[in-house]
C-alpha atoms as a PDB file:
ATOM      1  CA  MET A   1      33.896  21.049  -3.584  1.00  0.00           C
ATOM      2  CA  ASN A   2      33.029  23.549  -6.303  1.00  0.00           C
ATOM      3  CA  THR A   3      29.549  23.542  -7.793  1.00  0.00           C
ATOM      4  CA  LYS A   4      28.279  25.290 -10.887  1.00  0.00           C
ATOM      5  CA  LEU A   5      25.869  28.206 -10.317  1.00  0.00           C
ATOM      6  CA  THR A   6      23.621  29.848 -12.896  1.00  0.00           C
ATOM      7  CA  LEU A   7      22.793  33.531 -12.418  1.00  0.00           C
ATOM      8  CA  THR A   8      20.609  35.882 -14.416  1.00  0.00           C
ATOM      9  CA  ILE A   9      22.333  39.260 -14.739  1.00  0.00           C
ATOM     10  CA  GLU A  10      22.118  42.135 -17.219  1.00  0.00           C
ATOM     11  CA  GLN A  11      24.375  41.519 -20.223  1.00  0.00           C
ATOM     12  CA  THR A  12      26.125  44.891 -19.938  1.00  0.00           C
ATOM     13  CA  LEU A  13      26.935  44.251 -16.295  1.00  0.00           C
ATOM     14  CA  ILE A  14      28.367  40.836 -17.156  1.00  0.00           C
ATOM     15  CA  GLU A  15      30.617  42.406 -19.791  1.00  0.00           C
ATOM     16  CA  GLN A  16      31.801  45.089 -17.365  1.00  0.00           C
ATOM     17  CA  ALA A  17      32.440  42.489 -14.659  1.00  0.00           C
ATOM     18  CA  LYS A  18      34.460  40.339 -17.072  1.00  0.00           C
ATOM     19  CA  GLU A  19      36.594  43.341 -18.028  1.00  0.00           C
ATOM     20  CA  TYR A  20      37.108  44.155 -14.361  1.00  0.00           C
ATOM     21  CA  ALA A  21      38.142  40.565 -13.602  1.00  0.00           C
ATOM     22  CA  LYS A  22      40.492  40.504 -16.592  1.00  0.00           C
ATOM     23  CA  GLY A  23      42.082  43.746 -15.431  1.00  0.00           C
ATOM     24  CA  LYS A  24      42.662  42.263 -11.989  1.00  0.00           C
ATOM     25  CA  GLY A  25      44.070  39.012 -13.410  1.00  0.00           C
ATOM     26  CA  ARG A  26      41.309  36.988 -11.796  1.00  0.00           C
ATOM     27  CA  SER A  27      38.374  34.954 -12.996  1.00  0.00           C
ATOM     28  CA  LEU A  28      34.845  36.245 -12.639  1.00  0.00           C
ATOM     29  CA  SER A  29      33.989  33.091 -10.701  1.00  0.00           C
ATOM     30  CA  ASN A  30      36.775  33.857  -8.230  1.00  0.00           C
ATOM     31  CA  ILE A  31      35.536  37.407  -7.709  1.00  0.00           C
ATOM     32  CA  VAL A  32      31.929  36.273  -7.178  1.00  0.00           C
ATOM     33  CA  GLU A  33      33.011  33.506  -4.797  1.00  0.00           C
ATOM     34  CA  ASN A  34      35.108  35.908  -2.734  1.00  0.00           C
ATOM     35  CA  TYR A  35      32.248  38.406  -2.643  1.00  0.00           C
ATOM     36  CA  PHE A  36      29.876  35.708  -1.364  1.00  0.00           C
ATOM     37  CA  LYS A  37      32.419  34.721   1.294  1.00  0.00           C
ATOM     38  CA  ALA A  38      32.717  38.342   2.390  1.00  0.00           C
ATOM     39  CA  ILE A  39      28.987  38.971   2.719  1.00  0.00           C
ATOM     40  CA  VAL A  40      28.382  35.672   4.521  1.00  0.00           C
ATOM     41  CA  LYS A  41      31.225  36.396   6.944  1.00  0.00           C
ATOM     42  CA  GLU A  42      29.910  39.941   7.444  1.00  0.00           C
ATOM     43  CA  GLU A  43      26.437  38.627   8.276  1.00  0.00           C
ATOM     44  CA  VAL A  44      27.852  36.179  10.834  1.00  0.00           C
ATOM     45  CA  VAL A  45      30.024  38.888  12.395  1.00  0.00           C
ATOM     46  CA  ASN A  46      27.100  41.334  12.541  1.00  0.00           C
ATOM     47  CA  ILE A  47      24.852  38.774  14.206  1.00  0.00           C
ATOM     48  CA  LYS A  48      27.457  37.859  16.805  1.00  0.00           C
ATOM     49  CA  SER A  49      28.487  41.423  17.609  1.00  0.00           C
ATOM     50  CA  THR A  50      25.206  43.287  17.929  1.00  0.00           C
ATOM     51  CA  PRO A  51      24.965  45.322  21.148  1.00  0.00           C
ATOM     52  CA  ILE A  52      22.027  43.307  22.456  1.00  0.00           C
ATOM     53  CA  ALA A  53      23.741  39.995  21.747  1.00  0.00           C
ATOM     54  CA  GLY A  54      26.902  41.285  23.387  1.00  0.00           C
ATOM     55  CA  SER A  55      25.039  42.369  26.503  1.00  0.00           C
ATOM     56  CA  LEU A  56      23.349  38.980  26.822  1.00  0.00           C
ATOM     57  CA  ARG A  57      26.462  36.910  26.187  1.00  0.00           C
ATOM     58  CA  GLY A  58      27.222  34.781  29.227  1.00  0.00           C
ATOM     59  CA  SER A  59      24.052  35.738  31.099  1.00  0.00           C
ATOM     60  CA  PHE A  60      22.559  32.234  30.855  1.00  0.00           C
ATOM     61  CA  LYS A  61      24.335  29.232  32.259  1.00  0.00           C
ATOM     62  CA  GLU A  62      22.510  26.035  31.398  1.00  0.00           C
ATOM     63  CA  PRO A  63      22.729  23.050  33.755  1.00  0.00           C
ATOM     64  CA  LYS A  64      25.238  20.381  32.766  1.00  0.00           C
ATOM     65  CA  ASN A  65      22.480  17.890  31.961  1.00  0.00           C
ATOM     66  CA  PHE A  66      20.402  20.419  29.994  1.00  0.00           C
ATOM     67  CA  ASP A  67      18.696  18.865  26.949  1.00  0.00           C
ATOM     68  CA  TYR A  68      17.064  21.673  24.988  1.00  0.00           C
ATOM     69  CA  LYS A  69      15.402  19.268  22.532  1.00  0.00           C
ATOM     70  CA  LYS A  70      13.688  17.408  25.356  1.00  0.00           C
ATOM     71  CA  ASP A  71      12.604  20.622  27.079  1.00  0.00           C
ATOM     72  CA  LEU A  72      11.376  22.124  23.805  1.00  0.00           C
ATOM     73  CA  THR A  73       9.414  18.971  22.977  1.00  0.00           C
ATOM     74  CA  GLU A  74       7.805  18.983  26.416  1.00  0.00           C
ATOM     75  CA  ALA A  75       6.916  22.681  26.186  1.00  0.00           C
ATOM     76  CA  LEU A  76       5.430  22.339  22.703  1.00  0.00           C
ATOM     77  CA  THR A  77       3.500  19.215  23.673  1.00  0.00           C
ATOM     78  CA  LYS A  78       2.065  21.000  26.721  1.00  0.00           C
ATOM     79  CA  LYS A  79       1.183  24.059  24.647  1.00  0.00           C
ATOM     80  CA  HIS A  80      -0.479  22.235  21.753  1.00  0.00           C
ATOM     81  CA  LEU A  81      -2.066  19.196  23.408  1.00  0.00           C
END
C-alpha cells in the first residue's frame, strides 16, 4: 500500500532531483522509494553481518520450551520488586 509522505527539502535540490528523475525516465517518488529501500536493506545487512554478531551466531541454543517473555518478566519482577 502506498502512502503519501511530506518532506521539507531545499527548493533548488527539489528542482535538481526532478530533472535527474526526468532524465532517467522515472518519477521522483520512485527514486526516493528505491533509495529508502536501499538504506533500510543496508542497515539490516550491516546489523546481521557485523563481526561480533557473526562470531556469536549459533553460540546460544535455547531449550525447546524456552519462553523469553516469561523469563524476562520474572527477572524484571525480581529486580524491581
